[in-house]
Amino acid sequence: MIRDGHLLAMRRDGILVVPAAFLGETAVVKGLGGTITLLRDNGYNEDEILTWLFTADDTLPGTPIDALRGDRGREVKRRAQAMGF
């Protein structure tokens, strides 16, 4: 999933790790893969995407990853699309 671009990982002490917030009880958080693809298509690199997903946004409220976990993916994708313009 990381290689295919549906999931992001980062290196921590030389080990590739996936943030726990990206995972639900049985699968990857719904809408995360599409949001990652959308941001990549808009020119964002992996570090910028990770930063955006975990940065608080008062208008959501919370972070984009919290909104995705809370089944508010449509609003997150709208914001990601708007960032490309």
N, C-alpha and C. Protein backbone atom coordinates (compact mmCIF):
# COMPACT_ATOMS: atom_id res chain seq x y z
N MET A 1 0.83 -1.20 0.00
CA MET A 1 0.00 0.00 0.00
C MET A 1 0.87 1.26 0.00
N ILE A 2 2.00 1.20 0.69
CA ILE A 2 2.90 2.34 0.69
C ILE A 2 3.49 2.54 -0.69
N ARG A 3 3.95 1.47 -1.28
CA ARG A 3 4.55 1.53 -2.61
C ARG A 3 3.54 2.00 -3.65
N ASP A 4 2.28 1.61 -3.50
CA ASP A 4 1.24 1.99 -4.45
C ASP A 4 0.68 3.39 -4.19
N GLY A 5 1.11 4.04 -3.11
CA GLY A 5 0.69 5.41 -2.84
C GLY A 5 -0.62 5.55 -2.09
N HIS A 6 -1.14 4.45 -1.55
CA HIS A 6 -2.40 4.50 -0.82
C HIS A 6 -2.20 4.78 0.66
N LEU A 7 -0.96 4.76 1.08
CA LEU A 7 -0.63 4.93 2.48
C LEU A 7 0.74 5.60 2.56
N LEU A 8 0.96 6.41 3.58
CA LEU A 8 2.25 7.07 3.78
C LEU A 8 2.94 6.50 5.00
N ALA A 9 4.24 6.51 4.96
CA ALA A 9 5.05 6.08 6.10
C ALA A 9 6.19 7.07 6.26
N MET A 10 6.81 7.04 7.42
CA MET A 10 7.96 7.90 7.66
C MET A 10 9.01 7.09 8.40
N ARG A 11 10.21 7.57 8.37
CA ARG A 11 11.29 6.88 9.07
C ARG A 11 11.42 7.45 10.47
N ARG A 12 11.47 6.55 11.43
CA ARG A 12 11.71 6.93 12.82
C ARG A 12 12.83 6.03 13.32
N ASP A 13 13.95 6.62 13.65
CA ASP A 13 15.14 5.87 14.07
C ASP A 13 15.53 4.83 13.03
N GLY A 14 15.40 5.19 11.76
CA GLY A 14 15.79 4.32 10.67
C GLY A 14 14.77 3.25 10.29
N ILE A 15 13.66 3.21 10.99
CA ILE A 15 12.63 2.20 10.74
C ILE A 15 11.43 2.87 10.08
N LEU A 16 10.93 2.26 9.03
CA LEU A 16 9.76 2.78 8.33
C LEU A 16 8.51 2.48 9.15
N VAL A 17 7.76 3.52 9.52
CA VAL A 17 6.56 3.36 10.35
C VAL A 17 5.37 4.08 9.71
N VAL A 18 4.20 3.52 9.96
CA VAL A 18 2.94 4.12 9.51
C VAL A 18 2.27 4.71 10.75
N PRO A 19 1.84 5.98 10.70
CA PRO A 19 1.16 6.56 11.85
C PRO A 19 -0.09 5.73 12.23
N ALA A 20 -0.24 5.48 13.52
CA ALA A 20 -1.38 4.70 14.01
C ALA A 20 -2.71 5.35 13.63
N ALA A 21 -2.73 6.67 13.50
CA ALA A 21 -3.96 7.37 13.16
C ALA A 21 -4.46 7.01 11.77
N PHE A 22 -3.61 6.44 10.93
CA PHE A 22 -4.00 6.05 9.58
C PHE A 22 -4.77 4.73 9.55
N LEU A 23 -4.78 4.03 10.67
CA LEU A 23 -5.39 2.70 10.71
C LEU A 23 -6.62 2.68 11.58
N GLY A 24 -7.69 2.07 11.05
CA GLY A 24 -8.89 1.85 11.83
C GLY A 24 -8.78 0.50 12.50
N GLU A 25 -9.90 -0.03 12.95
CA GLU A 25 -9.87 -1.32 13.62
C GLU A 25 -9.53 -2.46 12.68
N THR A 26 -9.99 -2.37 11.44
CA THR A 26 -9.78 -3.48 10.51
C THR A 26 -9.14 -3.08 9.18
N ALA A 27 -8.96 -1.80 8.95
CA ALA A 27 -8.44 -1.36 7.66
C ALA A 27 -7.87 0.06 7.77
N VAL A 28 -7.33 0.52 6.66
CA VAL A 28 -6.86 1.91 6.57
C VAL A 28 -8.08 2.82 6.65
N VAL A 29 -7.93 3.98 7.27
CA VAL A 29 -9.02 4.94 7.43
C VAL A 29 -9.64 5.26 6.07
N LYS A 30 -10.94 5.19 6.01
CA LYS A 30 -11.69 5.46 4.78
C LYS A 30 -11.38 6.87 4.27
N GLY A 31 -11.07 6.97 2.98
CA GLY A 31 -10.81 8.26 2.35
C GLY A 31 -9.37 8.71 2.40
N LEU A 32 -8.53 8.03 3.18
CA LEU A 32 -7.13 8.46 3.30
C LEU A 32 -6.40 8.31 1.98
N GLY A 33 -6.54 7.18 1.33
CA GLY A 33 -5.85 6.95 0.06
C GLY A 33 -6.20 7.98 -0.99
N GLY A 34 -7.49 8.29 -1.11
CA GLY A 34 -7.93 9.29 -2.07
C GLY A 34 -7.41 10.68 -1.75
N THR A 35 -7.36 11.00 -0.47
CA THR A 35 -6.84 12.31 -0.04
C THR A 35 -5.35 12.41 -0.36
N ILE A 36 -4.61 11.35 -0.10
CA ILE A 36 -3.17 11.34 -0.41
C ILE A 36 -2.96 11.52 -1.91
N THR A 37 -3.72 10.80 -2.71
CA THR A 37 -3.60 10.92 -4.16
C THR A 37 -3.92 12.33 -4.62
N LEU A 38 -4.97 12.91 -4.09
CA LEU A 38 -5.38 14.26 -4.45
C LEU A 38 -4.28 15.27 -4.13
N LEU A 39 -3.69 15.16 -2.95
CA LEU A 39 -2.63 16.08 -2.57
C LEU A 39 -1.37 15.88 -3.43
N ARG A 40 -1.05 14.63 -3.72
CA ARG A 40 0.10 14.36 -4.60
C ARG A 40 -0.13 14.97 -5.98
N ASP A 41 -1.32 14.80 -6.50
CA ASP A 41 -1.65 15.36 -7.81
C ASP A 41 -1.54 16.88 -7.82
N ASN A 42 -1.71 17.49 -6.65
CA ASN A 42 -1.60 18.94 -6.52
C ASN A 42 -0.16 19.38 -6.24
N GLY A 43 0.79 18.45 -6.27
CA GLY A 43 2.19 18.80 -6.15
C GLY A 43 2.80 18.71 -4.76
N TYR A 44 2.06 18.18 -3.80
CA TYR A 44 2.59 18.05 -2.45
C TYR A 44 3.45 16.80 -2.33
N ASN A 45 4.56 16.91 -1.59
CA ASN A 45 5.40 15.73 -1.35
C ASN A 45 4.93 15.04 -0.06
N GLU A 46 5.53 13.91 0.25
CA GLU A 46 5.07 13.11 1.39
C GLU A 46 5.17 13.87 2.71
N ASP A 47 6.26 14.60 2.92
CA ASP A 47 6.40 15.36 4.17
C ASP A 47 5.32 16.43 4.29
N GLU A 48 5.04 17.11 3.20
CA GLU A 48 4.00 18.15 3.22
C GLU A 48 2.62 17.55 3.47
N ILE A 49 2.36 16.38 2.90
CA ILE A 49 1.07 15.72 3.10
C ILE A 49 0.93 15.31 4.57
N LEU A 50 1.97 14.70 5.12
CA LEU A 50 1.92 14.31 6.53
C LEU A 50 1.70 15.51 7.44
N THR A 51 2.41 16.58 7.16
CA THR A 51 2.25 17.80 7.96
C THR A 51 0.82 18.30 7.87
N TRP A 52 0.26 18.36 6.67
CA TRP A 52 -1.10 18.86 6.48
C TRP A 52 -2.11 17.98 7.21
N LEU A 53 -1.95 16.68 7.11
CA LEU A 53 -2.91 15.76 7.74
C LEU A 53 -2.93 15.90 9.26
N PHE A 54 -1.81 16.29 9.86
CA PHE A 54 -1.72 16.34 11.32
C PHE A 54 -1.69 17.77 11.88
N THR A 55 -1.95 18.77 11.04
CA THR A 55 -2.00 20.15 11.50
C THR A 55 -3.43 20.55 11.79
N ALA A 56 -3.64 21.11 12.98
CA ALA A 56 -5.00 21.50 13.40
C ALA A 56 -5.56 22.57 12.47
N ASP A 57 -6.84 22.43 12.19
CA ASP A 57 -7.58 23.38 11.36
C ASP A 57 -8.86 23.73 12.12
N ASP A 58 -8.93 24.96 12.61
CA ASP A 58 -10.07 25.38 13.42
C ASP A 58 -11.40 25.27 12.70
N THR A 59 -11.37 25.32 11.38
CA THR A 59 -12.64 25.27 10.63
C THR A 59 -13.16 23.85 10.48
N LEU A 60 -12.35 22.82 10.79
CA LEU A 60 -12.85 21.45 10.66
C LEU A 60 -13.75 21.01 11.83
N PRO A 61 -13.56 21.15 13.03
CA PRO A 61 -12.37 21.46 13.82
C PRO A 61 -11.51 20.22 13.99
N GLY A 62 -10.28 20.44 14.43
CA GLY A 62 -9.32 19.34 14.60
C GLY A 62 -8.39 19.26 13.41
N THR A 63 -7.80 18.11 13.23
CA THR A 63 -6.88 17.89 12.12
C THR A 63 -7.60 17.17 10.99
N PRO A 64 -7.08 17.26 9.78
CA PRO A 64 -7.70 16.52 8.68
C PRO A 64 -7.77 15.01 8.93
N ILE A 65 -6.76 14.42 9.56
CA ILE A 65 -6.82 12.98 9.82
C ILE A 65 -7.91 12.67 10.84
N ASP A 66 -8.12 13.55 11.81
CA ASP A 66 -9.22 13.35 12.75
C ASP A 66 -10.56 13.41 12.03
N ALA A 67 -10.68 14.33 11.09
CA ALA A 67 -11.93 14.45 10.32
C ALA A 67 -12.16 13.20 9.48
N LEU A 68 -11.11 12.66 8.86
CA LEU A 68 -11.26 11.43 8.08
C LEU A 68 -11.69 10.28 8.99
N ARG A 69 -11.09 10.20 10.15
CA ARG A 69 -11.45 9.14 11.11
C ARG A 69 -12.88 9.32 11.61
N GLY A 70 -13.36 10.56 11.61
CA GLY A 70 -14.72 10.85 12.06
C GLY A 70 -15.74 10.82 10.94
N ASP A 71 -15.38 10.23 9.81
CA ASP A 71 -16.28 10.09 8.66
C ASP A 71 -16.69 11.44 8.08
N ARG A 72 -15.74 12.38 8.04
CA ARG A 72 -15.98 13.68 7.41
C ARG A 72 -15.04 13.86 6.23
N GLY A 73 -14.83 12.78 5.49
CA GLY A 73 -13.90 12.77 4.38
C GLY A 73 -14.24 13.73 3.27
N ARG A 74 -15.51 13.94 3.03
CA ARG A 74 -15.92 14.85 1.95
C ARG A 74 -15.36 16.25 2.18
N GLU A 75 -15.45 16.72 3.42
CA GLU A 75 -14.95 18.06 3.73
C GLU A 75 -13.42 18.12 3.61
N VAL A 76 -12.75 17.07 4.04
CA VAL A 76 -11.29 17.02 3.94
C VAL A 76 -10.87 17.06 2.47
N LYS A 77 -11.55 16.29 1.63
CA LYS A 77 -11.20 16.28 0.20
C LYS A 77 -11.48 17.62 -0.44
N ARG A 78 -12.54 18.29 -0.04
CA ARG A 78 -12.81 19.64 -0.58
C ARG A 78 -11.67 20.59 -0.27
N ARG A 79 -11.18 20.52 0.94
CA ARG A 79 -10.08 21.40 1.34
C ARG A 79 -8.80 21.04 0.59
N ALA A 80 -8.55 19.75 0.42
CA ALA A 80 -7.36 19.31 -0.31
C ALA A 80 -7.43 19.77 -1.76
N GLN A 81 -8.61 19.70 -2.36
CA GLN A 81 -8.75 20.17 -3.75
C GLN A 81 -8.49 21.66 -3.85
N ALA A 82 -9.01 22.42 -2.90
CA ALA A 82 -8.86 23.87 -2.92
C ALA A 82 -7.40 24.28 -2.75
N MET A 83 -6.62 23.48 -2.07
CA MET A 83 -5.21 23.80 -1.84
C MET A 83 -4.41 23.75 -3.14
N GLY A 84 -4.92 23.06 -4.13
CA GLY A 84 -4.20 22.94 -5.40
C GLY A 84 -4.34 24.14 -6.29
N PHE A 85 -5.21 25.06 -5.94
CA PHE A 85 -5.45 26.24 -6.80
C PHE A 85 -4.82 27.47 -6.23
